[in-house]
Amino acid sequence: MKRHRGHRAVCNWCKKAPTPKVIWKWVTAERVWYRWYRGKWHYWGPSKRGFTESGWTWYKGYWHHDGYVFKFVNHKWYRFQGKRWVYYGRKVAVHPGVPRGKPICRPFYILKKWGFPTKLGVRKLPRCQVGKGRHSGVYMWKGRSACRFLGGRLVYHKHKICKTGRPHQWKRVKRCVKGNILTKKGLNYRTGKAKAGKAKALKARSRLVIGGLVENSCYKFRAFEHSRDYLAYRYKHKKYEIYQSPKSRLKDRVWKIKRGIYGAKNTITLQSSFWP
């Protein structure tokens, strides 16, 4: 039929043949199929069965996969993610991946070489250890949230204070994790844009931070040389006193940070549960 286009026999055969229910068109330049429906050609995919399976659905004029909305405009694919349309590419995979935000990175200090002191004093200090055995990494302790970020656990190492010899060697490194999964919600099908949310009035909060201690937050204070001793508050012999002991009750070890009573700059007040 391609060799004899316009021939009378071919035209008569086409008039007698029934019109197919599904009309396809192959575009060689794009190497994709188009399907005719609703009075115009629509992009279908690299195969005829491309978007009819594998989780793809057509709803309210948009393609959907795994809850995410796709649209095809001017031979370009766009995906609605993070409450906005983002350019996806000239082609879309049958199984597109989940969109994520930018990687989240933080700086850390990793132990590269152990020191060799000849004269030292020994103390226990917290460290964040990632992994086990010879391939484990030791990082400076920056808090439990930072250690969870690395996927490590809290360990205590003997800190050797070098009076002579060579100290430990640390290296500043950057560690990253995958970004958060972008939301699939927020599309207004009537307008084709993101839904207009109500503006929420945010109240400004002023927090006092002195030496890493945040006002109105609770802390426990552990002795530097004796890791089992905690600063506590008790009532004994008809008076209040502050002491440190491993036998103190857990609730007596909690202190709340307040602004300095005398109003001096960069001063704090520790408030206990027994504070009058």
Protein backbone atom coordinates (compact mmCIF):
# COMPACT_ATOMS: atom_id res chain seq x y z
CA MET A 1 0.00 0.00 0.00
CA LYS A 2 2.92 2.38 0.62
CA ARG A 3 4.16 1.85 -2.95
CA HIS A 4 0.77 2.46 -4.54
CA ARG A 5 -0.63 5.37 -2.57
CA GLY A 6 -3.43 7.11 -4.45
CA HIS A 7 -4.16 4.05 -6.64
CA ARG A 8 -7.86 3.52 -7.38
CA ALA A 9 -7.85 -0.07 -6.07
CA VAL A 10 -6.23 1.03 -2.82
CA CYS A 11 -8.71 3.88 -2.34
CA ASN A 12 -11.69 1.59 -2.98
CA TRP A 13 -10.34 -0.94 -0.47
CA CYS A 14 -9.91 1.78 2.17
CA LYS A 15 -13.50 2.99 1.66
CA LYS A 16 -14.91 -0.51 2.09
CA ALA A 17 -12.70 -1.44 5.08
CA PRO A 18 -14.22 -0.62 8.49
CA THR A 19 -12.62 2.20 10.47
CA PRO A 20 -10.45 0.79 13.27
CA LYS A 21 -11.59 1.55 16.81
CA VAL A 22 -8.06 2.51 17.89
CA ILE A 23 -6.04 4.70 15.53
CA TRP A 24 -2.26 4.84 15.93
CA LYS A 25 0.49 6.99 14.43
CA TRP A 26 4.22 6.28 14.65
CA VAL A 27 6.50 9.35 14.65
CA THR A 28 9.93 8.28 13.44
CA ALA A 29 11.72 11.45 14.57
CA GLU A 30 10.60 10.98 18.18
CA ARG A 31 10.43 7.15 18.06
CA VAL A 32 7.12 7.18 19.96
CA TRP A 33 3.47 6.29 19.32
CA TYR A 34 0.57 8.74 19.22
CA ARG A 35 -3.07 7.72 19.66
CA TRP A 36 -6.10 9.49 18.21
CA TYR A 37 -8.96 10.25 20.58
CA ARG A 38 -11.12 13.22 21.52
CA GLY A 39 -10.53 14.80 18.11
CA LYS A 40 -6.71 15.07 18.24
CA TRP A 41 -3.48 13.12 18.54
CA HIS A 42 -2.19 12.32 22.03
CA TYR A 43 1.26 11.15 23.08
CA TRP A 44 1.19 7.47 24.10
CA GLY A 45 4.75 6.28 24.56
CA PRO A 46 7.55 4.21 22.97
CA SER A 47 5.25 1.15 22.81
CA LYS A 48 1.53 0.75 22.21
CA ARG A 49 0.98 -0.82 25.59
CA GLY A 50 3.28 1.66 27.38
CA PHE A 51 0.88 3.64 29.58
CA THR A 52 -1.97 1.12 29.63
CA GLU A 53 -0.25 -0.91 32.35
CA SER A 54 2.47 -0.70 35.01
CA GLY A 55 0.46 1.63 37.24
CA TRP A 56 -0.36 4.40 34.73
CA THR A 57 -3.86 5.90 34.71
CA TRP A 58 -5.57 8.77 32.88
CA TYR A 59 -7.64 11.07 35.08
CA LYS A 60 -9.04 14.57 34.47
CA GLY A 61 -6.75 15.28 31.55
CA TYR A 62 -3.48 14.18 33.22
CA TRP A 63 -1.41 11.03 33.43
CA HIS A 64 -0.88 9.57 36.91
CA HIS A 65 1.71 7.16 38.25
CA ASP A 66 2.17 6.24 41.91
CA GLY A 67 0.09 9.28 42.87
CA TYR A 68 2.23 11.79 40.95
CA VAL A 69 0.67 13.84 38.13
CA PHE A 70 2.31 14.14 34.68
CA LYS A 71 1.47 16.30 31.69
CA PHE A 72 2.82 16.44 28.11
CA VAL A 73 3.10 19.96 26.67
CA ASN A 74 4.98 20.95 23.48
CA HIS A 75 6.79 17.59 23.30
CA LYS A 76 8.00 17.95 26.90
CA TRP A 77 7.02 16.07 30.04
CA TYR A 78 6.34 17.82 33.32
CA ARG A 79 5.71 16.31 36.77
CA PHE A 80 3.86 17.98 39.62
CA GLN A 81 6.09 17.61 42.69
CA GLY A 82 6.72 19.77 45.71
CA LYS A 83 3.55 21.77 44.89
CA ARG A 84 4.84 22.96 41.49
CA TRP A 85 5.37 21.75 37.93
CA VAL A 86 8.93 20.59 37.23
CA TYR A 87 10.37 19.76 33.81
CA TYR A 88 10.96 16.00 33.58
CA GLY A 89 12.37 15.50 30.06
CA ARG A 90 11.55 14.70 26.46
CA LYS A 91 10.65 11.15 27.44
CA VAL A 92 9.31 9.58 30.59
CA ALA A 93 10.18 6.10 31.83
CA VAL A 94 7.48 3.48 32.24
CA HIS A 95 8.55 3.22 35.89
CA PRO A 96 9.66 6.73 36.94
CA GLY A 97 11.51 7.06 40.22
CA VAL A 98 10.36 8.97 43.27
CA PRO A 99 11.42 12.66 43.25
CA ARG A 100 13.58 13.86 46.11
CA GLY A 101 14.88 17.21 47.28
CA LYS A 102 18.48 18.30 47.52
CA PRO A 103 20.83 16.09 49.57
CA ILE A 104 21.21 17.09 53.21
CA CYS A 105 24.87 17.56 54.14
CA ARG A 106 26.63 18.30 57.42
CA PRO A 107 30.29 18.81 58.39
CA PHE A 108 31.98 16.36 60.76
CA TYR A 109 35.46 15.56 62.08
CA ILE A 110 36.70 12.01 61.56
CA LEU A 111 39.64 10.45 63.33
CA LYS A 112 42.40 9.71 60.78
CA LYS A 113 45.42 8.77 62.92
CA TRP A 114 45.85 7.89 66.56
CA GLY A 115 48.42 9.84 68.54
CA PHE A 116 51.48 8.36 70.21
CA PRO A 117 51.93 10.08 73.57
CA THR A 118 54.88 9.34 75.81
CA LYS A 119 53.42 11.01 78.86
CA LEU A 120 49.68 11.33 79.24
CA GLY A 121 46.56 11.61 81.33
CA VAL A 122 43.52 9.45 80.55
CA ARG A 123 39.89 10.61 80.43
CA LYS A 124 36.74 9.16 78.88
CA LEU A 125 35.05 11.20 76.16
CA PRO A 126 31.97 10.45 74.00
CA ARG A 127 32.49 9.58 70.35
CA CYS A 128 30.20 8.64 67.47
CA GLN A 129 31.24 5.31 65.97
CA VAL A 130 29.90 4.26 62.55
CA GLY A 131 30.24 0.58 61.69
CA LYS A 132 32.14 -2.18 63.46
CA GLY A 133 35.57 -3.71 63.27
CA ARG A 134 38.51 -2.44 61.27
CA HIS A 135 36.33 -0.56 58.78
CA SER A 136 34.51 1.52 61.41
CA GLY A 137 34.82 5.29 61.52
CA VAL A 138 35.11 7.43 64.63
CA TYR A 139 33.69 10.97 64.59
CA MET A 140 33.74 13.79 67.11
CA TRP A 141 30.65 13.81 69.29
CA LYS A 142 28.26 16.63 68.29
CA GLY A 143 25.06 15.34 69.87
CA ARG A 144 22.69 12.44 69.46
CA SER A 145 20.90 13.92 66.44
CA ALA A 146 24.19 14.34 64.56
CA CYS A 147 25.20 10.77 65.40
CA ARG A 148 21.85 9.43 64.17
CA PHE A 149 22.40 11.43 60.97
CA LEU A 150 25.57 9.40 60.37
CA GLY A 151 23.88 6.14 61.35
CA GLY A 152 26.29 5.62 64.24
CA ARG A 153 26.11 4.97 67.97
CA LEU A 154 27.47 6.53 71.14
CA VAL A 155 30.70 5.04 72.49
CA TYR A 156 33.19 6.23 75.08
CA HIS A 157 36.87 6.32 74.19
CA LYS A 158 39.77 6.95 76.51
CA HIS A 159 41.01 10.44 75.69
CA LYS A 160 44.80 10.54 76.00
CA ILE A 161 46.02 14.03 76.78
CA CYS A 162 49.45 14.30 75.21
CA LYS A 163 52.01 16.21 77.24
CA THR A 164 54.76 15.01 74.94
CA GLY A 165 54.50 13.08 71.70
CA ARG A 166 51.96 13.42 68.91
CA PRO A 167 48.20 14.09 69.40
CA HIS A 168 45.33 12.55 67.44
CA GLN A 169 44.84 13.79 63.88
CA TRP A 170 41.32 14.78 62.81
CA LYS A 171 40.03 15.67 59.36
CA ARG A 172 37.01 17.79 58.53
CA VAL A 173 34.69 15.90 56.16
CA LYS A 174 31.21 16.37 54.74
CA ARG A 175 28.62 13.59 54.95
CA CYS A 176 25.34 13.66 53.02
CA VAL A 177 22.07 11.73 53.03
CA LYS A 178 19.26 11.60 50.50
CA GLY A 179 16.86 14.52 50.40
CA ASN A 180 13.26 14.29 51.54
CA ILE A 181 10.66 12.79 49.19
CA LEU A 182 8.77 15.62 47.50
CA THR A 183 5.03 15.70 48.07
CA LYS A 184 2.57 14.65 45.37
CA LYS A 185 -0.34 16.69 46.73
CA GLY A 186 -1.51 20.21 46.05
CA LEU A 187 -2.67 20.23 42.38
CA ASN A 188 -5.86 22.08 41.49
CA TYR A 189 -7.28 20.10 38.55
CA ARG A 190 -9.60 22.93 37.56
CA THR A 191 -6.85 25.52 37.09
CA GLY A 192 -3.90 23.17 36.48
CA LYS A 193 -1.86 25.01 39.13
CA ALA A 194 -1.00 24.55 42.77
CA LYS A 195 -3.75 25.11 45.29
CA ALA A 196 -3.63 28.46 47.02
CA GLY A 197 -3.13 27.76 50.70
CA LYS A 198 -4.14 30.08 53.49
CA ALA A 199 -1.32 32.21 54.76
CA LYS A 200 -0.54 31.43 58.38
CA ALA A 201 0.73 34.15 60.64
CA LEU A 202 3.97 33.03 62.25
CA LYS A 203 4.83 34.41 65.63
CA ALA A 204 8.42 35.41 66.02
CA ARG A 205 10.19 33.62 68.85
CA SER A 206 13.30 34.95 70.48
CA ARG A 207 15.45 32.30 72.13
CA LEU A 208 18.46 32.97 74.29
CA VAL A 209 21.41 30.70 73.50
CA ILE A 210 24.52 30.90 75.67
CA GLY A 211 27.31 28.40 75.22
CA GLY A 212 25.03 26.08 73.30
CA LEU A 213 22.36 26.07 76.06
CA VAL A 214 18.89 27.15 74.94
CA GLU A 215 16.59 29.04 77.25
CA ASN A 216 13.62 27.07 78.69
CA SER A 217 15.22 23.78 77.59
CA CYS A 218 16.14 20.95 79.96
CA TYR A 219 19.62 19.42 80.32
CA LYS A 220 21.63 16.99 82.40
CA PHE A 221 25.21 17.83 83.39
CA ARG A 222 27.73 14.99 83.71
CA ALA A 223 31.10 15.23 85.41
CA PHE A 224 34.04 15.35 82.99
CA GLU A 225 36.32 12.89 84.78
CA HIS A 226 33.62 10.71 86.39
CA SER A 227 31.17 9.68 83.69
CA ARG A 228 28.63 8.28 86.20
CA ASP A 229 28.33 11.41 88.33
CA TYR A 230 25.60 13.93 87.47
CA LEU A 231 24.86 17.35 88.89
CA ALA A 232 21.79 17.06 91.14
CA TYR A 233 19.74 19.07 93.67
CA ARG A 234 18.38 17.81 96.97
CA TYR A 235 16.96 18.91 100.32
CA LYS A 236 19.03 17.66 103.25
CA HIS A 237 19.42 18.79 106.85
CA LYS A 238 16.74 21.45 106.39
CA LYS A 239 18.52 23.14 103.50
CA TYR A 240 18.93 22.85 99.76
CA GLU A 241 22.25 21.79 98.32
CA ILE A 242 23.85 20.95 94.97
CA TYR A 243 25.96 17.83 94.68
CA GLN A 244 27.16 15.22 92.19
CA SER A 245 26.84 11.49 92.68
CA PRO A 246 26.06 8.37 90.62
CA LYS A 247 23.35 7.49 93.17
CA SER A 248 21.23 10.59 92.58
CA ARG A 249 17.66 10.15 91.39
CA LEU A 250 16.97 10.64 87.67
CA LYS A 251 14.45 13.41 88.16
CA ASP A 252 16.91 15.31 90.41
CA ARG A 253 19.44 15.50 87.55
CA VAL A 254 17.24 17.55 85.21
CA TRP A 255 17.94 21.28 85.05
CA LYS A 256 16.01 23.95 83.18
CA ILE A 257 17.90 26.87 81.64
CA LYS A 258 16.72 30.37 82.59
CA ARG A 259 18.09 33.86 82.04
CA GLY A 260 20.53 35.12 84.65
CA ILE A 261 18.76 36.23 87.83
CA TYR A 262 20.94 39.32 88.21
CA GLY A 263 20.46 40.39 84.59
CA ALA A 264 24.16 40.25 83.68
CA LYS A 265 24.98 39.60 80.04
CA ASN A 266 25.78 36.02 78.94
CA THR A 267 24.71 34.50 82.26
CA ILE A 268 22.21 31.71 82.95
CA THR A 269 20.35 30.29 85.92
CA LEU A 270 19.83 26.58 86.51
CA GLN A 271 16.34 25.77 87.75
CA SER A 272 15.65 22.40 89.38
CA SER A 273 12.35 20.63 89.95
CA PHE A 274 12.76 21.44 93.68
CA TRP A 275 13.33 25.13 92.99
CA PRO A 276 10.75 27.14 95.02
